[in-house]
PDB file of N, CA and C in Angstrom:
ATOM      1  N   MET A   1       0.845  -1.174   0.000  1.00  0.00           N
ATOM      2  CA  MET A   1       0.000   0.000   0.000  1.00  0.00           C
ATOM      3  C   MET A   1       0.893   1.240   0.000  1.00  0.00           C
ATOM      4  N   THR A   2       0.371   2.286  -0.553  1.00  0.00           N
ATOM      5  CA  THR A   2       1.091   3.542  -0.596  1.00  0.00           C
ATOM      6  C   THR A   2       0.307   4.607   0.157  1.00  0.00           C
ATOM      7  N   HIS A   3       0.939   5.718   0.371  1.00  0.00           N
ATOM      8  CA  HIS A   3       0.275   6.883   0.937  1.00  0.00           C
ATOM      9  C   HIS A   3      -0.039   7.845  -0.211  1.00  0.00           C
ATOM     10  N   VAL A   4      -1.028   8.689   0.008  1.00  0.00           N
ATOM     11  CA  VAL A   4      -1.484   9.610  -1.028  1.00  0.00           C
ATOM     12  C   VAL A   4      -1.588  11.007  -0.426  1.00  0.00           C
ATOM     13  N   ILE A   5      -1.147  11.996  -1.187  1.00  0.00           N
ATOM     14  CA  ILE A   5      -1.298  13.385  -0.770  1.00  0.00           C
ATOM     15  C   ILE A   5      -2.549  13.933  -1.434  1.00  0.00           C
ATOM     16  N   GLY A   6      -3.425  14.498  -0.622  1.00  0.00           N
ATOM     17  CA  GLY A   6      -4.706  14.966  -1.104  1.00  0.00           C
ATOM     18  C   GLY A   6      -4.854  16.475  -1.152  1.00  0.00           C
ATOM     19  N   GLU A   7      -6.091  16.887  -1.182  1.00  0.00           N
ATOM     20  CA  GLU A   7      -6.502  18.243  -1.511  1.00  0.00           C
ATOM     21  C   GLU A   7      -5.936  19.348  -0.622  1.00  0.00           C
ATOM     22  N   THR A   8      -5.771  19.096   0.661  1.00  0.00           N
ATOM     23  CA  THR A   8      -5.339  20.188   1.531  1.00  0.00           C
ATOM     24  C   THR A   8      -3.886  20.607   1.306  1.00  0.00           C
ATOM     25  N   CYS A   9      -3.165  19.875   0.490  1.00  0.00           N
ATOM     26  CA  CYS A   9      -1.802  20.279   0.129  1.00  0.00           C
ATOM     27  C   CYS A   9      -1.805  21.358  -0.958  1.00  0.00           C
ATOM     28  N   ILE A  10      -2.898  21.453  -1.693  1.00  0.00           N
ATOM     29  CA  ILE A  10      -2.963  22.412  -2.798  1.00  0.00           C
ATOM     30  C   ILE A  10      -2.726  23.823  -2.279  1.00  0.00           C
ATOM     31  N   GLY A  11      -1.759  24.477  -2.884  1.00  0.00           N
ATOM     32  CA  GLY A  11      -1.427  25.834  -2.516  1.00  0.00           C
ATOM     33  C   GLY A  11      -0.530  25.946  -1.304  1.00  0.00           C
ATOM     34  N   THR A  12      -0.385  24.871  -0.546  1.00  0.00           N
ATOM     35  CA  THR A  12       0.445  24.900   0.658  1.00  0.00           C
ATOM     36  C   THR A  12       1.862  24.431   0.339  1.00  0.00           C
ATOM     37  N   LYS A  13       1.940  23.229  -0.200  1.00  0.00           N
ATOM     38  CA  LYS A  13       3.226  22.612  -0.566  1.00  0.00           C
ATOM     39  C   LYS A  13       4.235  22.692   0.569  1.00  0.00           C
ATOM     40  N   GLU A  14       3.799  22.431   1.783  1.00  0.00           N
ATOM     41  CA  GLU A  14       4.685  22.372   2.940  1.00  0.00           C
ATOM     42  C   GLU A  14       5.561  21.136   2.772  1.00  0.00           C
ATOM     43  N   THR A  15       6.860  21.288   2.860  1.00  0.00           N
ATOM     44  CA  THR A  15       7.774  20.187   2.532  1.00  0.00           C
ATOM     45  C   THR A  15       8.345  19.448   3.736  1.00  0.00           C
ATOM     46  N   ALA A  16       7.728  19.565   4.891  1.00  0.00           N
ATOM     47  CA  ALA A  16       8.205  18.808   6.055  1.00  0.00           C
ATOM     48  C   ALA A  16       8.157  17.309   5.770  1.00  0.00           C
ATOM     49  N   CYS A  17       7.168  16.883   4.986  1.00  0.00           N
ATOM     50  CA  CYS A  17       7.046  15.465   4.639  1.00  0.00           C
ATOM     51  C   CYS A  17       8.225  15.001   3.785  1.00  0.00           C
ATOM     52  N   VAL A  18       8.682  15.856   2.919  1.00  0.00           N
ATOM     53  CA  VAL A  18       9.813  15.537   2.043  1.00  0.00           C
ATOM     54  C   VAL A  18      11.059  15.274   2.889  1.00  0.00           C
ATOM     55  N   ASP A  19      11.248  16.097   3.896  1.00  0.00           N
ATOM     56  CA  ASP A  19      12.447  16.009   4.735  1.00  0.00           C
ATOM     57  C   ASP A  19      12.527  14.720   5.544  1.00  0.00           C
ATOM     58  N   VAL A  20      11.383  14.121   5.902  1.00  0.00           N
ATOM     59  CA  VAL A  20      11.412  12.907   6.722  1.00  0.00           C
ATOM     60  C   VAL A  20      11.312  11.619   5.918  1.00  0.00           C
ATOM     61  N   CYS A  21      11.029  11.720   4.639  1.00  0.00           N
ATOM     62  CA  CYS A  21      10.852  10.516   3.822  1.00  0.00           C
ATOM     63  C   CYS A  21      12.189   9.786   3.637  1.00  0.00           C
ATOM     64  N   PRO A  22      12.282   8.537   4.104  1.00  0.00           N
ATOM     65  CA  PRO A  22      13.555   7.814   4.003  1.00  0.00           C
ATOM     66  C   PRO A  22      13.881   7.298   2.598  1.00  0.00           C
ATOM     67  N   VAL A  23      12.902   7.318   1.681  1.00  0.00           N
ATOM     68  CA  VAL A  23      13.140   6.797   0.343  1.00  0.00           C
ATOM     69  C   VAL A  23      12.975   7.853  -0.749  1.00  0.00           C
ATOM     70  N   ASP A  24      12.860   9.111  -0.362  1.00  0.00           N
ATOM     71  CA  ASP A  24      12.776  10.227  -1.311  1.00  0.00           C
ATOM     72  C   ASP A  24      11.686  10.004  -2.362  1.00  0.00           C
ATOM     73  N   CYS A  25      10.476   9.686  -1.886  1.00  0.00           N
ATOM     74  CA  CYS A  25       9.392   9.414  -2.842  1.00  0.00           C
ATOM     75  C   CYS A  25       8.377  10.542  -2.946  1.00  0.00           C
ATOM     76  N   ILE A  26       8.629  11.677  -2.283  1.00  0.00           N
ATOM     77  CA  ILE A  26       7.702  12.798  -2.328  1.00  0.00           C
ATOM     78  C   ILE A  26       8.327  13.920  -3.153  1.00  0.00           C
ATOM     79  N   HIS A  27       7.600  14.321  -4.182  1.00  0.00           N
ATOM     80  CA  HIS A  27       8.130  15.321  -5.112  1.00  0.00           C
ATOM     81  C   HIS A  27       7.036  16.265  -5.565  1.00  0.00           C
ATOM     82  N   PRO A  28       7.367  17.368  -6.145  1.00  0.00           N
ATOM     83  CA  PRO A  28       8.725  17.870  -6.320  1.00  0.00           C
ATOM     84  C   PRO A  28       9.249  18.510  -5.034  1.00  0.00           C
ATOM     85  N   ARG A  29      10.555  18.395  -4.850  1.00  0.00           N
ATOM     86  CA  ARG A  29      11.228  19.081  -3.748  1.00  0.00           C
ATOM     87  C   ARG A  29      11.399  20.546  -4.133  1.00  0.00           C
ATOM     88  N   LYS A  30      11.667  21.381  -3.148  1.00  0.00           N
ATOM     89  CA  LYS A  30      11.831  22.815  -3.404  1.00  0.00           C
ATOM     90  C   LYS A  30      12.956  23.104  -4.389  1.00  0.00           C
ATOM     91  N   ASP A  31      13.963  22.224  -4.462  1.00  0.00           N
ATOM     92  CA  ASP A  31      15.113  22.451  -5.350  1.00  0.00           C
ATOM     93  C   ASP A  31      14.895  21.889  -6.754  1.00  0.00           C
ATOM     94  N   GLU A  32      13.718  21.355  -7.030  1.00  0.00           N
ATOM     95  CA  GLU A  32      13.406  20.836  -8.354  1.00  0.00           C
ATOM     96  C   GLU A  32      12.633  21.880  -9.158  1.00  0.00           C
ATOM     97  N   PRO A  33      12.922  21.994 -10.443  1.00  0.00           N
ATOM     98  CA  PRO A  33      12.249  23.001 -11.272  1.00  0.00           C
ATOM     99  C   PRO A  33      10.719  22.903 -11.244  1.00  0.00           C
ATOM    100  N   ALA A  34      10.184  21.730 -11.129  1.00  0.00           N
ATOM    101  CA  ALA A  34       8.732  21.548 -11.163  1.00  0.00           C
ATOM    102  C   ALA A  34       8.025  22.099  -9.930  1.00  0.00           C
ATOM    103  N   PHE A  35       8.778  22.399  -8.869  1.00  0.00           N
ATOM    104  CA  PHE A  35       8.153  22.853  -7.623  1.00  0.00           C
ATOM    105  C   PHE A  35       7.266  24.077  -7.849  1.00  0.00           C
ATOM    106  N   GLU A  36       7.729  25.019  -8.617  1.00  0.00           N
ATOM    107  CA  GLU A  36       6.949  26.232  -8.862  1.00  0.00           C
ATOM    108  C   GLU A  36       5.808  26.012  -9.851  1.00  0.00           C
ATOM    109  N   GLN A  37       5.863  24.921 -10.591  1.00  0.00           N
ATOM    110  CA  GLN A  37       4.876  24.668 -11.636  1.00  0.00           C
ATOM    111  C   GLN A  37       3.659  23.874 -11.166  1.00  0.00           C
ATOM    112  N   VAL A  38       3.764  23.187 -10.047  1.00  0.00           N
ATOM    113  CA  VAL A  38       2.650  22.361  -9.564  1.00  0.00           C
ATOM    114  C   VAL A  38       1.968  23.018  -8.373  1.00  0.00           C
ATOM    115  N   ASP A  39       0.736  22.603  -8.102  1.00  0.00           N
ATOM    116  CA  ASP A  39       0.023  23.208  -6.980  1.00  0.00           C
ATOM    117  C   ASP A  39       0.038  22.351  -5.715  1.00  0.00           C
ATOM    118  N   HIS A  40       0.591  21.124  -5.804  1.00  0.00           N
ATOM    119  CA  HIS A  40       0.706  20.281  -4.611  1.00  0.00           C
ATOM    120  C   HIS A  40       1.805  19.243  -4.801  1.00  0.00           C
ATOM    121  N   LEU A  41       2.195  18.619  -3.707  1.00  0.00           N
ATOM    122  CA  LEU A  41       3.211  17.574  -3.740  1.00  0.00           C
ATOM    123  C   LEU A  41       2.536  16.238  -4.035  1.00  0.00           C
ATOM    124  N   THR A  42       3.320  15.267  -4.452  1.00  0.00           N
ATOM    125  CA  THR A  42       2.798  13.939  -4.755  1.00  0.00           C
ATOM    126  C   THR A  42       3.733  12.867  -4.210  1.00  0.00           C
ATOM    127  N   ILE A  43       3.187  11.683  -3.999  1.00  0.00           N
ATOM    128  CA  ILE A  43       3.965  10.538  -3.522  1.00  0.00           C
ATOM    129  C   ILE A  43       4.024   9.503  -4.631  1.00  0.00           C
ATOM    130  N   ASP A  44       5.222   9.045  -4.929  1.00  0.00           N
ATOM    131  CA  ASP A  44       5.421   8.010  -5.942  1.00  0.00           C
ATOM    132  C   ASP A  44       4.924   6.681  -5.373  1.00  0.00           C
ATOM    133  N   PRO A  45       3.845   6.131  -5.920  1.00  0.00           N
ATOM    134  CA  PRO A  45       3.285   4.899  -5.364  1.00  0.00           C
ATOM    135  C   PRO A  45       4.201   3.687  -5.502  1.00  0.00           C
ATOM    136  N   ASP A  46       5.109   3.709  -6.464  1.00  0.00           N
ATOM    137  CA  ASP A  46       6.029   2.582  -6.633  1.00  0.00           C
ATOM    138  C   ASP A  46       7.215   2.659  -5.677  1.00  0.00           C
ATOM    139  N   ALA A  47       7.511   3.842  -5.173  1.00  0.00           N
ATOM    140  CA  ALA A  47       8.670   4.013  -4.289  1.00  0.00           C
ATOM    141  C   ALA A  47       8.293   4.061  -2.812  1.00  0.00           C
ATOM    142  N   CYS A  48       7.053   4.412  -2.514  1.00  0.00           N
ATOM    143  CA  CYS A  48       6.606   4.542  -1.127  1.00  0.00           C
ATOM    144  C   CYS A  48       6.701   3.189  -0.417  1.00  0.00           C
ATOM    145  N   ILE A  49       7.306   3.196   0.786  1.00  0.00           N
ATOM    146  CA  ILE A  49       7.448   1.956   1.557  1.00  0.00           C
ATOM    147  C   ILE A  49       6.424   1.873   2.691  1.00  0.00           C
ATOM    148  N   ASP A  50       5.461   2.783   2.701  1.00  0.00           N
ATOM    149  CA  ASP A  50       4.369   2.752   3.668  1.00  0.00           C
ATOM    150  C   ASP A  50       4.862   2.892   5.107  1.00  0.00           C
ATOM    151  N   CYS A  51       5.883   3.694   5.310  1.00  0.00           N
ATOM    152  CA  CYS A  51       6.418   3.866   6.666  1.00  0.00           C
ATOM    153  C   CYS A  51       5.555   4.813   7.497  1.00  0.00           C
ATOM    154  N   GLY A  52       4.855   5.738   6.850  1.00  0.00           N
ATOM    155  CA  GLY A  52       3.962   6.650   7.552  1.00  0.00           C
ATOM    156  C   GLY A  52       4.610   7.847   8.198  1.00  0.00           C
ATOM    157  N   LEU A  53       5.907   8.017   8.064  1.00  0.00           N
ATOM    158  CA  LEU A  53       6.577   9.155   8.691  1.00  0.00           C
ATOM    159  C   LEU A  53       6.048  10.489   8.195  1.00  0.00           C
ATOM    160  N   CYS A  54       5.660  10.538   6.952  1.00  0.00           N
ATOM    161  CA  CYS A  54       5.177  11.783   6.354  1.00  0.00           C
ATOM    162  C   CYS A  54       3.843  12.236   6.941  1.00  0.00           C
ATOM    163  N   VAL A  55       3.031  11.287   7.376  1.00  0.00           N
ATOM    164  CA  VAL A  55       1.682  11.600   7.867  1.00  0.00           C
ATOM    165  C   VAL A  55       1.748  12.557   9.052  1.00  0.00           C
ATOM    166  N   ASP A  56       2.579  12.246  10.028  1.00  0.00           N
ATOM    167  CA  ASP A  56       2.683  13.077  11.229  1.00  0.00           C
ATOM    168  C   ASP A  56       3.324  14.425  10.964  1.00  0.00           C
ATOM    169  N   GLU A  57       4.121  14.523   9.934  1.00  0.00           N
ATOM    170  CA  GLU A  57       4.816  15.773   9.628  1.00  0.00           C
ATOM    171  C   GLU A  57       3.967  16.761   8.841  1.00  0.00           C
ATOM    172  N   CYS A  58       2.901  16.301   8.236  1.00  0.00           N
ATOM    173  CA  CYS A  58       2.088  17.164   7.381  1.00  0.00           C
ATOM    174  C   CYS A  58       1.219  18.097   8.227  1.00  0.00           C
ATOM    175  N   PRO A  59       1.486  19.409   8.173  1.00  0.00           N
ATOM    176  CA  PRO A  59       0.727  20.341   9.008  1.00  0.00           C
ATOM    177  C   PRO A  59      -0.706  20.572   8.532  1.00  0.00           C
ATOM    178  N   VAL A  60      -1.021  20.179   7.303  1.00  0.00           N
ATOM    179  CA  VAL A  60      -2.376  20.389   6.781  1.00  0.00           C
ATOM    180  C   VAL A  60      -3.156  19.080   6.649  1.00  0.00           C
ATOM    181  N   LYS A  61      -2.630  18.010   7.224  1.00  0.00           N
ATOM    182  CA  LYS A  61      -3.312  16.705   7.242  1.00  0.00           C
ATOM    183  C   LYS A  61      -3.757  16.265   5.852  1.00  0.00           C
ATOM    184  N   ALA A  62      -2.823  16.336   4.914  1.00  0.00           N
ATOM    185  CA  ALA A  62      -3.129  15.984   3.525  1.00  0.00           C
ATOM    186  C   ALA A  62      -2.704  14.571   3.152  1.00  0.00           C
ATOM    187  N   ILE A  63      -1.975  13.870   4.015  1.00  0.00           N
ATOM    188  CA  ILE A  63      -1.415  12.565   3.656  1.00  0.00           C
ATOM    189  C   ILE A  63      -2.130  11.448   4.406  1.00  0.00           C
ATOM    190  N   TYR A  64      -2.592  10.463   3.615  1.00  0.00           N
ATOM    191  CA  TYR A  64      -3.312   9.321   4.157  1.00  0.00           C
ATOM    192  C   TYR A  64      -2.817   8.045   3.504  1.00  0.00           C
ATOM    193  N   PRO A  65      -2.897   6.914   4.233  1.00  0.00           N
ATOM    194  CA  PRO A  65      -2.729   5.636   3.547  1.00  0.00           C
ATOM    195  C   PRO A  65      -3.839   5.552   2.492  1.00  0.00           C
ATOM    196  N   GLU A  66      -3.537   4.983   1.357  1.00  0.00           N
ATOM    197  CA  GLU A  66      -4.517   4.930   0.268  1.00  0.00           C
ATOM    198  C   GLU A  66      -5.863   4.380   0.723  1.00  0.00           C
ATOM    199  N   ALA A  67      -5.856   3.355   1.546  1.00  0.00           N
ATOM    200  CA  ALA A  67      -7.109   2.731   2.001  1.00  0.00           C
ATOM    201  C   ALA A  67      -7.932   3.638   2.914  1.00  0.00           C
ATOM    202  N   ASP A  68      -7.299   4.629   3.526  1.00  0.00           N
ATOM    203  CA  ASP A  68      -7.989   5.522   4.457  1.00  0.00           C
ATOM    204  C   ASP A  68      -8.270   6.897   3.880  1.00  0.00           C
ATOM    205  N   LEU A  69      -7.970   7.088   2.620  1.00  0.00           N
ATOM    206  CA  LEU A  69      -8.182   8.381   1.982  1.00  0.00           C
ATOM    207  C   LEU A  69      -9.662   8.738   2.013  1.00  0.00           C
ATOM    208  N   PRO A  70     -10.013   9.972   2.389  1.00  0.00           N
ATOM    209  CA  PRO A  70     -11.433  10.347   2.347  1.00  0.00           C
ATOM    210  C   PRO A  70     -11.989  10.106   0.941  1.00  0.00           C
ATOM    211  N   PRO A  71     -13.169   9.540   0.834  1.00  0.00           N
ATOM    212  CA  PRO A  71     -13.731   9.188  -0.478  1.00  0.00           C
ATOM    213  C   PRO A  71     -13.756  10.346  -1.477  1.00  0.00           C
ATOM    214  N   GLU A  72     -13.992  11.551  -0.992  1.00  0.00           N
ATOM    215  CA  GLU A  72     -14.038  12.701  -1.894  1.00  0.00           C
ATOM    216  C   GLU A  72     -12.658  13.053  -2.463  1.00  0.00           C
ATOM    217  N   TRP A  73     -11.616  12.441  -1.950  1.00  0.00           N
ATOM    218  CA  TRP A  73     -10.256  12.671  -2.449  1.00  0.00           C
ATOM    219  C   TRP A  73      -9.748  11.517  -3.303  1.00  0.00           C
ATOM    220  N   ASN A  74     -10.554  10.559  -3.633  1.00  0.00           N
ATOM    221  CA  ASN A  74     -10.098   9.391  -4.396  1.00  0.00           C
ATOM    222  C   ASN A  74      -9.398   9.758  -5.698  1.00  0.00           C
ATOM    223  N   LYS A  75      -9.752  10.866  -6.311  1.00  0.00           N
ATOM    224  CA  LYS A  75      -9.097  11.269  -7.551  1.00  0.00           C
ATOM    225  C   LYS A  75      -7.598  11.496  -7.362  1.00  0.00           C
ATOM    226  N   TYR A  76      -7.161  11.763  -6.138  1.00  0.00           N
ATOM    227  CA  TYR A  76      -5.745  12.019  -5.886  1.00  0.00           C
ATOM    228  C   TYR A  76      -4.894  10.756  -5.958  1.00  0.00           C
ATOM    229  N   ILE A  77      -5.506   9.604  -5.875  1.00  0.00           N
ATOM    230  CA  ILE A  77      -4.759   8.359  -6.073  1.00  0.00           C
ATOM    231  C   ILE A  77      -4.176   8.366  -7.485  1.00  0.00           C
ATOM    232  N   GLN A  78      -5.015   8.661  -8.457  1.00  0.00           N
ATOM    233  CA  GLN A  78      -4.565   8.702  -9.850  1.00  0.00           C
ATOM    234  C   GLN A  78      -3.675   9.912 -10.118  1.00  0.00           C
ATOM    235  N   ILE A  79      -3.988  11.043  -9.537  1.00  0.00           N
ATOM    236  CA  ILE A  79      -3.167  12.252  -9.728  1.00  0.00           C
ATOM    237  C   ILE A  79      -1.746  12.002  -9.240  1.00  0.00           C
ATOM    238  N   ASN A  80      -1.610  11.375  -8.072  1.00  0.00           N
ATOM    239  CA  ASN A  80      -0.275  11.061  -7.553  1.00  0.00           C
ATOM    240  C   ASN A  80       0.446  10.088  -8.478  1.00  0.00           C
ATOM    241  N   ALA A  81      -0.239   9.051  -8.929  1.00  0.00           N
ATOM    242  CA  ALA A  81       0.385   8.059  -9.805  1.00  0.00           C
ATOM    243  C   ALA A  81       0.767   8.669 -11.139  1.00  0.00           C
ATOM    244  N   ASP A  82      -0.098   9.516 -11.702  1.00  0.00           N
ATOM    245  CA  ASP A  82       0.171  10.117 -13.007  1.00  0.00           C
ATOM    246  C   ASP A  82       1.406  11.014 -12.998  1.00  0.00           C
ATOM    247  N   TYR A  83       1.698  11.637 -11.886  1.00  0.00           N
ATOM    248  CA  TYR A  83       2.860  12.528 -11.809  1.00  0.00           C
ATOM    249  C   TYR A  83       4.153  11.748 -12.102  1.00  0.00           C
ATOM    250  N   TYR A  84       4.182  10.473 -11.791  1.00  0.00           N
ATOM    251  CA  TYR A  84       5.401   9.662 -11.933  1.00  0.00           C
ATOM    252  C   TYR A  84       5.450   8.824 -13.191  1.00  0.00           C
ATOM    253  N   LYS A  85       4.432   8.906 -14.022  1.00  0.00           N
ATOM    254  CA  LYS A  85       4.465   8.154 -15.283  1.00  0.00           C
ATOM    255  C   LYS A  85       5.489   8.787 -16.215  1.00  0.00           C
ATOM    256  N   ASP A  86       6.172   7.948 -16.934  1.00  0.00           N
ATOM    257  CA  ASP A  86       7.177   8.459 -17.902  1.00  0.00           C
ATOM    258  C   ASP A  86       6.521   9.003 -19.131  1.00  0.00           C
TER     259      ASP A  86
END
């Protein structure tokens, strides 16, 4: 299972979650060109190890395990996955 970043990250892009991720699966980071171009951060579903460290660090409560994502945010499962497609 992976974690998903949802709607409350839009416009916030607080990167505390990026700093605690042990596998660097949350992007874009502030030092990446895409950071200014997107409205929220995303989690790579293939790289996420389901450690949950990012959940507690998120000040806007935008990160959930996929199975616990609020139903109205289900579209973010695909949005997160699409960000990492080649």
